[in-house]
Amino acid sequence: QVQLVESGGGSVQAGGSLSLSCAVSGYTRSVDCMAWFRQAPEKEREGVAAIATYGYTRYADSVRGRFTISRDNAKNTVTLQMNSLKPEDTGTYHCAAGDPIIGTPYCGLGAQYYSWGRGTQVTVSS
């Protein structure tokens, strides 16, 4: 059974940092693309960052330069280091596993993801 389990959420003041982790189990091979998405109340889900097995990364404009995604393929884990947090970063953060954009080796922040974790809450206060 495939499982993605997030950890590391919490509450922090603006300007602070948090690190989220996702443990992946149940796959017989390494997942091509891992990503983090977030959803705030009454807002659409937003892709935050993605990383390929070979290290290619992609970030949403809203987090580029502040967030860093990384993965450990041997341990099947993916981490999101979040620095300089802002109140607008508040939301439930979900880990996702998926495929590259069709016809490319690149991981996107769209509809290529087929497995999701239940999420971890991040709250940033001003």
Protein backbone atom coordinates (compact mmCIF):
# COMPACT_ATOMS: atom_id res chain seq x y z
CA GLN A 1 0.00 0.00 0.00
CA VAL A 2 1.41 3.37 -1.06
CA GLN A 3 1.66 5.91 1.71
CA LEU A 4 2.94 9.47 1.94
CA VAL A 5 3.19 10.81 5.47
CA GLU A 6 4.05 14.44 6.18
CA SER A 7 5.54 15.84 9.37
CA GLY A 8 7.07 19.05 10.64
CA GLY A 9 4.25 21.55 10.43
CA GLY A 10 3.55 24.05 13.17
CA SER A 11 3.11 27.69 14.07
CA VAL A 12 5.74 30.35 13.60
CA GLN A 13 6.00 34.12 13.44
CA ALA A 14 6.61 35.91 10.19
CA GLY A 15 10.27 35.75 9.25
CA GLY A 16 10.74 32.38 10.90
CA SER A 17 11.56 28.98 9.46
CA LEU A 18 10.03 25.51 9.35
CA SER A 19 11.12 22.25 7.78
CA LEU A 20 8.59 19.76 6.44
CA SER A 21 9.36 16.12 5.74
CA CYS A 22 7.54 13.46 3.76
CA ALA A 23 8.17 9.75 4.09
CA VAL A 24 7.16 7.61 1.11
CA SER A 25 6.49 3.91 1.40
CA GLY A 26 4.92 1.16 -0.68
CA TYR A 27 6.55 1.96 -4.02
CA THR A 28 8.66 -0.70 -5.68
CA ARG A 29 10.74 1.90 -7.49
CA SER A 30 11.86 5.48 -6.90
CA VAL A 31 9.16 8.00 -7.70
CA ASP A 32 10.08 10.26 -10.64
CA CYS A 33 8.61 13.47 -9.24
CA MET A 34 7.95 14.52 -5.67
CA ALA A 35 6.27 17.78 -4.83
CA TRP A 36 4.73 19.91 -2.15
CA PHE A 37 1.35 21.58 -2.59
CA ARG A 38 -0.50 23.82 -0.19
CA GLN A 39 -4.06 24.90 0.32
CA ALA A 40 -5.35 27.78 2.38
CA PRO A 41 -9.00 28.13 3.41
CA GLU A 42 -11.17 29.32 0.54
CA LYS A 43 -8.25 29.24 -1.88
CA GLU A 44 -7.31 26.84 -4.63
CA ARG A 45 -4.58 24.31 -4.11
CA GLU A 46 -1.21 25.72 -5.14
CA GLY A 47 1.89 23.86 -6.25
CA VAL A 48 4.84 25.04 -4.16
CA ALA A 49 7.90 23.04 -5.21
CA ALA A 50 8.79 19.89 -7.12
CA ILE A 51 11.92 17.77 -7.47
CA ALA A 52 12.92 15.02 -9.85
CA THR A 53 14.88 11.90 -9.02
CA TYR A 54 17.96 13.38 -10.70
CA GLY A 55 17.68 16.69 -8.86
CA TYR A 56 15.80 19.04 -11.18
CA THR A 57 13.72 21.45 -9.10
CA ARG A 58 10.86 23.79 -9.80
CA TYR A 59 9.37 26.45 -7.54
CA ALA A 60 6.32 28.64 -7.50
CA ASP A 61 7.19 32.31 -7.97
CA SER A 62 5.73 33.07 -4.54
CA VAL A 63 8.32 30.91 -2.73
CA ARG A 64 11.39 31.02 -4.97
CA GLY A 65 14.44 32.12 -2.99
CA ARG A 66 12.78 31.33 0.35
CA PHE A 67 11.91 27.62 0.10
CA THR A 68 14.22 24.73 -0.78
CA ILE A 69 13.06 21.25 -1.75
CA SER A 70 15.35 18.25 -1.47
CA ARG A 71 15.03 14.49 -1.53
CA ASP A 72 16.87 11.41 -0.37
CA ASN A 73 16.20 8.70 -2.93
CA ALA A 74 17.76 5.98 -0.81
CA LYS A 75 15.49 6.78 2.13
CA ASN A 76 12.44 7.74 0.02
CA THR A 77 12.03 11.05 1.78
CA VAL A 78 11.48 14.58 0.56
CA THR A 79 12.02 17.74 2.58
CA LEU A 80 10.81 21.31 2.22
CA GLN A 81 12.91 23.89 4.05
CA MET A 82 10.90 27.09 4.44
CA ASN A 83 12.66 30.30 5.41
CA SER A 84 11.52 33.91 5.70
CA LEU A 85 7.96 32.72 6.17
CA LYS A 86 5.09 35.10 5.51
CA PRO A 87 1.47 35.03 6.73
CA GLU A 88 0.39 34.20 3.18
CA ASP A 89 2.36 30.93 3.45
CA THR A 90 -0.26 29.68 5.91
CA GLY A 91 -2.06 26.54 4.81
CA THR A 92 -2.15 22.79 4.79
CA TYR A 93 0.90 21.40 3.05
CA HIS A 94 0.58 18.12 1.17
CA CYS A 95 3.30 15.89 -0.19
CA ALA A 96 2.62 14.33 -3.59
CA ALA A 97 4.15 11.71 -5.86
CA GLY A 98 3.84 11.80 -9.61
CA ASP A 99 5.20 11.63 -13.14
CA PRO A 100 7.12 14.14 -15.26
CA ILE A 101 5.30 16.51 -17.59
CA ILE A 102 4.29 14.44 -20.61
CA GLY A 103 7.03 14.34 -23.21
CA THR A 104 9.63 15.95 -20.94
CA PRO A 105 11.97 14.89 -18.14
CA TYR A 106 10.79 17.80 -16.01
CA CYS A 107 8.58 17.82 -12.93
CA GLY A 108 5.80 20.36 -12.89
CA LEU A 109 3.42 21.81 -10.35
CA GLY A 110 0.24 20.77 -12.09
CA ALA A 111 -1.76 17.66 -12.71
CA GLN A 112 0.93 14.99 -12.92
CA TYR A 113 0.53 13.78 -9.34
CA TYR A 114 -1.33 10.61 -8.43
CA SER A 115 -0.63 9.98 -4.74
CA TRP A 116 -1.11 12.42 -1.90
CA GLY A 117 -0.40 12.66 1.79
CA ARG A 118 -3.00 13.85 4.26
CA GLY A 119 -1.15 17.07 4.94
CA THR A 120 0.45 19.03 7.74
CA GLN A 121 -0.66 22.46 8.93
CA VAL A 122 1.61 25.49 8.70
CA THR A 123 0.49 28.71 10.38
CA VAL A 124 2.48 31.92 10.06
CA SER A 125 1.42 34.84 12.24
CA SER A 126 2.25 38.47 11.61
